[in-house]
Amino acid sequence: MITSFLLGIFFTILGVSRRKRNFLYKFFIVLGIILILFAVYLARPH
């Protein structure tokens, strides 16, 4: 859960910082948001 959250933050920041230089920035932003949402889903009480 923590790893997914940290990777999500990393990929989102990476995508935002490279949005002017690289065409894959959308992929990194979407991947980061998916990982953050997955971490939030795992953190919910079941």
Protein backbone atom coordinates (compact mmCIF):
# COMPACT_ATOMS: atom_id res chain seq x y z
CA MET A 1 0.00 0.00 0.00
CA ILE A 2 2.74 2.45 0.96
CA THR A 3 4.87 1.42 -2.02
CA SER A 4 1.94 1.93 -4.38
CA PHE A 5 1.26 5.36 -2.90
CA LEU A 6 4.90 6.46 -3.15
CA LEU A 7 5.26 5.16 -6.71
CA GLY A 8 2.04 6.95 -7.64
CA ILE A 9 3.36 10.23 -6.31
CA PHE A 10 6.70 9.67 -8.06
CA PHE A 11 5.14 8.91 -11.45
CA THR A 12 2.74 11.84 -11.19
CA ILE A 13 5.54 14.28 -10.38
CA LEU A 14 7.71 12.76 -13.12
CA GLY A 15 4.92 13.17 -15.67
CA VAL A 16 4.21 16.78 -14.68
CA SER A 17 7.88 17.75 -14.70
CA ARG A 18 8.52 16.22 -18.15
CA ARG A 19 5.36 17.40 -19.87
CA LYS A 20 7.20 19.84 -22.13
CA ARG A 21 10.03 17.51 -23.15
CA ASN A 22 8.43 14.12 -23.57
CA PHE A 23 5.28 12.79 -25.19
CA LEU A 24 4.90 10.01 -22.59
CA TYR A 25 4.00 12.43 -19.81
CA LYS A 26 0.29 11.54 -20.06
CA PHE A 27 1.13 7.89 -19.46
CA PHE A 28 3.14 8.71 -16.34
CA ILE A 29 0.43 10.99 -14.94
CA VAL A 30 -2.32 8.41 -15.53
CA LEU A 31 -0.18 5.61 -14.08
CA GLY A 32 0.57 7.73 -11.00
CA ILE A 33 -3.09 8.55 -10.41
CA ILE A 34 -4.07 4.89 -10.80
CA LEU A 35 -1.44 3.83 -8.27
CA ILE A 36 -2.57 6.50 -5.78
CA LEU A 37 -6.19 5.41 -6.14
CA PHE A 38 -5.18 1.78 -5.71
CA ALA A 39 -3.28 2.67 -2.51
CA VAL A 40 -6.33 4.53 -1.18
CA TYR A 41 -8.50 1.51 -1.99
CA LEU A 42 -6.12 -0.78 -0.09
CA ALA A 43 -6.05 1.60 2.89
CA ARG A 44 -9.82 1.56 3.33
CA PRO A 45 -11.14 -0.49 6.22
CA HIS A 46 -12.78 -3.63 4.95
